[in-house]
Protein backbone atom coordinates (compact mmCIF):
# COMPACT_ATOMS: atom_id res chain seq x y z
CA MET A 1 -66.98 91.57 -21.40
CA ASN A 2 -66.57 89.09 -18.57
CA SER A 3 -63.58 86.82 -18.67
CA PRO A 4 -64.25 83.18 -17.80
CA THR A 5 -63.57 82.21 -14.20
CA ALA A 6 -60.41 80.20 -13.92
CA CYS A 7 -60.88 76.66 -12.71
CA PRO A 8 -58.97 75.83 -9.53
CA PRO A 9 -56.07 73.49 -10.11
CA PRO A 10 -56.85 69.83 -9.46
CA LEU A 11 -55.96 68.56 -6.01
CA PRO A 12 -52.91 66.33 -6.02
CA ALA A 13 -53.76 62.63 -5.86
CA VAL A 14 -52.80 61.14 -2.49
CA ALA A 15 -51.66 57.58 -1.98
CA SER A 16 -53.88 55.61 0.38
CA CYS A 17 -54.13 52.13 1.81
CA SER A 18 -56.50 50.51 4.28
CA TRP A 19 -57.23 47.23 6.08
CA ASN A 20 -60.97 46.99 6.83
CA GLY A 21 -61.02 50.79 6.67
CA HIS A 22 -58.09 51.27 9.08
CA PRO A 23 -55.62 53.68 7.38
CA TYR A 24 -52.09 52.83 6.36
CA ARG A 25 -49.30 55.04 4.98
CA VAL A 26 -47.74 53.84 1.73
CA THR A 27 -43.97 53.95 2.28
CA ALA A 28 -42.75 52.36 -0.99
CA ALA A 29 -44.41 51.32 -4.24
CA GLU A 30 -42.17 49.99 -7.01
CA LEU A 31 -42.85 48.49 -10.40
CA GLY A 32 -40.34 46.20 -12.09
CA ALA A 33 -40.24 43.72 -14.92
CA TYR A 34 -38.36 40.82 -16.43
CA VAL A 35 -38.51 39.13 -19.82
CA ASP A 36 -39.89 35.64 -20.15
CA ALA A 37 -38.21 34.50 -23.35
CA GLN A 38 -40.44 31.43 -23.61
CA LEU A 39 -43.64 33.49 -24.11
CA PRO A 40 -41.95 35.89 -25.16
CA ALA A 41 -43.29 38.72 -23.01
CA LEU A 42 -42.40 41.35 -20.50
CA LEU A 43 -43.72 40.16 -17.13
CA TRP A 44 -44.44 43.00 -14.72
CA ASP A 45 -44.15 42.85 -10.94
CA PHE A 46 -44.83 45.26 -8.11
CA ASP A 47 -43.60 45.55 -4.53
CA ILE A 48 -45.60 47.80 -2.17
CA HIS A 49 -45.06 48.53 1.53
CA ALA A 50 -47.39 50.33 3.91
CA GLU A 51 -47.38 51.01 7.65
CA ARG A 52 -50.38 51.33 9.97
CA ILE A 53 -51.41 54.86 10.98
CA ASP A 54 -52.50 55.12 14.63
CA PRO A 55 -54.02 58.23 16.23
CA ASP A 56 -51.58 60.39 18.21
CA GLY A 57 -51.78 60.27 21.99
CA VAL A 58 -54.22 57.37 22.09
CA LEU A 59 -53.42 54.03 23.73
CA LEU A 60 -54.65 51.21 21.55
CA ASP A 61 -55.04 47.55 22.34
CA GLU A 62 -52.63 45.75 20.03
CA ASP A 63 -54.84 42.65 20.10
CA ASP A 64 -57.61 44.57 18.39
CA LEU A 65 -55.41 46.24 15.76
CA PRO A 66 -54.67 45.11 12.23
CA PRO A 67 -51.05 44.30 11.30
CA GLY A 68 -48.44 47.00 11.85
CA GLU A 69 -47.14 46.69 8.29
CA LEU A 70 -48.40 45.37 4.95
CA HIS A 71 -46.24 44.11 2.10
CA LEU A 72 -48.02 43.41 -1.20
CA ARG A 73 -46.20 41.72 -4.03
CA ILE A 74 -47.00 40.27 -7.42
CA HIS A 75 -44.41 38.29 -9.38
CA ASP A 76 -44.42 35.78 -12.20
CA CYS A 77 -48.04 36.46 -13.17
CA PRO A 78 -48.73 35.72 -16.88
CA ALA A 79 -51.89 37.85 -16.70
CA PHE A 80 -49.72 40.87 -15.82
CA SER A 81 -47.60 40.95 -18.95
CA SER A 82 -47.02 42.69 -22.27
CA GLY A 83 -46.16 40.98 -25.54
CA PRO A 84 -43.41 42.00 -27.95
CA GLY A 85 -43.70 45.57 -29.21
CA GLU A 86 -46.66 46.44 -26.96
CA VAL A 87 -44.61 48.68 -24.70
CA LEU A 88 -42.47 51.61 -25.86
CA HIS A 89 -42.57 53.37 -22.50
CA TRP A 90 -43.42 51.66 -19.23
CA ASN A 91 -46.47 53.93 -18.74
CA ASP A 92 -47.98 52.23 -21.80
CA ILE A 93 -49.44 49.63 -19.47
CA ALA A 94 -51.89 52.22 -18.15
CA GLY A 95 -55.41 50.88 -18.57
CA MET A 96 -54.40 47.30 -17.80
CA ARG A 97 -56.75 45.39 -15.48
CA VAL A 98 -55.96 42.14 -13.67
CA ALA A 99 -58.60 40.22 -11.72
CA PHE A 100 -57.85 37.80 -8.89
CA THR A 101 -59.36 34.70 -10.43
CA ASN A 102 -58.26 31.66 -8.43
CA LYS A 103 -58.41 31.67 -4.63
CA ASP A 104 -56.12 28.62 -4.38
CA GLU A 105 -53.41 30.19 -6.52
CA PRO A 106 -53.47 33.93 -5.76
CA GLU A 107 -51.72 36.27 -8.09
CA VAL A 108 -51.04 38.83 -5.36
CA LEU A 109 -49.41 37.92 -2.07
CA LEU A 110 -49.76 39.98 1.12
CA TYR A 111 -47.28 39.60 3.98
CA THR A 112 -48.50 40.63 7.42
CA GLY A 113 -46.28 38.36 9.55
CA GLU A 114 -47.76 35.49 7.55
CA HIS A 115 -48.13 35.10 3.80
CA LEU A 116 -51.70 35.54 2.59
CA GLY A 117 -53.24 35.47 -0.86
CA LEU A 118 -55.58 38.17 -2.06
CA GLY A 119 -58.79 37.09 -3.76
CA ASP A 120 -62.19 38.48 -4.67
CA GLY A 121 -60.90 41.61 -6.38
CA GLY A 122 -58.20 42.84 -8.67
CA PHE A 123 -56.26 45.91 -9.70
CA VAL A 124 -56.23 48.51 -12.45
CA LEU A 125 -53.44 50.80 -13.67
CA SER A 126 -53.97 54.40 -14.79
CA GLU A 127 -51.77 57.34 -15.71
CA ARG A 128 -52.09 60.63 -13.81
CA ASP A 129 -49.85 63.60 -14.54
CA GLY A 130 -47.22 61.38 -16.15
CA ARG A 131 -47.16 58.85 -13.30
CA LEU A 132 -48.50 55.32 -13.29
CA TRP A 133 -50.98 54.62 -10.46
CA ILE A 134 -52.34 51.34 -9.18
CA ALA A 135 -55.79 50.95 -7.60
CA LEU A 136 -56.14 47.59 -5.91
CA ASP A 137 -58.93 45.93 -3.96
CA GLY A 138 -58.99 42.43 -2.52
CA HIS A 139 -59.89 40.14 0.37
CA CYS A 140 -57.67 38.04 2.63
CA ASP A 141 -58.14 35.90 5.73
CA GLY A 142 -55.48 34.99 8.29
CA MET A 143 -54.54 35.26 11.94
CA HIS A 144 -55.83 38.85 12.02
CA GLY A 145 -59.19 37.72 10.71
CA PRO A 146 -60.89 38.45 7.40
CA ALA A 147 -59.99 41.78 5.86
CA ARG A 148 -60.69 43.91 2.83
CA ILE A 149 -57.57 45.60 1.45
CA ALA A 150 -57.86 48.79 -0.57
CA LEU A 151 -54.89 50.59 -2.09
CA CYS A 152 -54.28 53.52 -4.40
CA ALA A 153 -50.66 54.58 -5.02
CA PRO A 154 -48.24 55.78 -7.69
CA LEU A 155 -45.71 53.19 -8.85
CA ASP A 156 -42.05 54.11 -9.34
CA PHE A 157 -40.56 52.09 -12.19
CA THR A 158 -37.22 50.50 -11.27
CA THR A 159 -35.69 48.18 -13.89
CA ILE A 160 -36.12 45.25 -16.22
CA ALA A 161 -34.12 42.42 -14.63
CA CYS A 162 -32.23 40.04 -16.92
CA GLY A 163 -30.49 37.59 -14.58
CA HIS A 164 -26.76 36.88 -14.71
CA ARG A 165 -25.90 37.98 -18.27
CA ASP A 166 -23.32 40.26 -19.79
CA GLN A 167 -24.47 43.41 -21.56
CA GLY A 168 -24.66 41.85 -25.02
CA GLN A 169 -26.59 38.80 -23.82
CA ALA A 170 -28.95 40.98 -21.75
CA ARG A 171 -29.66 43.34 -24.69
CA GLU A 172 -30.47 40.34 -26.88
CA HIS A 173 -32.72 38.97 -24.13
CA ILE A 174 -34.90 42.06 -23.66
CA ALA A 175 -35.01 42.77 -27.43
CA THR A 176 -37.56 39.95 -27.72
CA ALA A 177 -40.06 42.19 -25.87
CA VAL A 178 -38.86 45.85 -25.83
CA ASP A 179 -36.47 48.18 -27.63
CA PRO A 180 -33.19 48.02 -25.67
CA ASP A 181 -32.14 51.43 -27.03
CA ARG A 182 -34.73 53.02 -24.76
CA TYR A 183 -32.93 51.68 -21.66
CA THR A 184 -29.52 52.00 -20.07
CA PHE A 185 -27.65 48.90 -18.94
CA GLU A 186 -26.39 48.40 -15.40
CA CYS A 187 -25.33 45.52 -13.20
CA ASP A 188 -26.41 45.41 -9.55
CA GLU A 189 -24.33 44.30 -6.52
CA TYR A 190 -25.48 40.72 -7.04
CA GLY A 191 -24.28 40.59 -10.64
CA VAL A 192 -27.80 40.79 -12.06
CA ALA A 193 -28.07 42.61 -15.39
CA ARG A 194 -30.72 45.35 -15.35
CA PHE A 195 -32.07 47.93 -17.79
CA ARG A 196 -33.28 51.30 -16.51
CA PRO A 197 -35.49 53.49 -18.72
CA ILE A 198 -33.82 56.55 -20.25
CA PRO A 199 -35.69 59.63 -18.91
């Protein structure tokens, strides 16, 4: 009796980023959040850095190259939020999709030496092997000319920020959107109260 052939293990997913097809190395990709008590909702944000990859031993004309570094950030975006009780674990936002809808008020900002807005695209979140990944695609236009940005990277969750509050006030604040017992309290060097997920 023949035993079934074992399937090879899946290849590990690799973070990638590009500017008009030119490759970049993702150096940091963080996900954070804060509670908007007025909604109330947990508003998510991300902060992603990437550096240009140039071929070894090849002299390149800097005038023809895309920016040396990219910094993508989203913050204070009501479309990128979760209402009360929707999130028990931060990976619960897997499956969320956000489209760039208004070119005049971009939801994602890209810094390349100048601040640019991304339009004509969006991003989607997915879970792979217990990690939350972002796949983003968008268009920008600035001093380096028009460009299509493509990104795929895992996001490392940092904290839920709560402003300058003591522990009791901060727990009450995040309790409008998430269960504070699933997080540990800390205060950063600037006196900002933060909650970090319990592993």
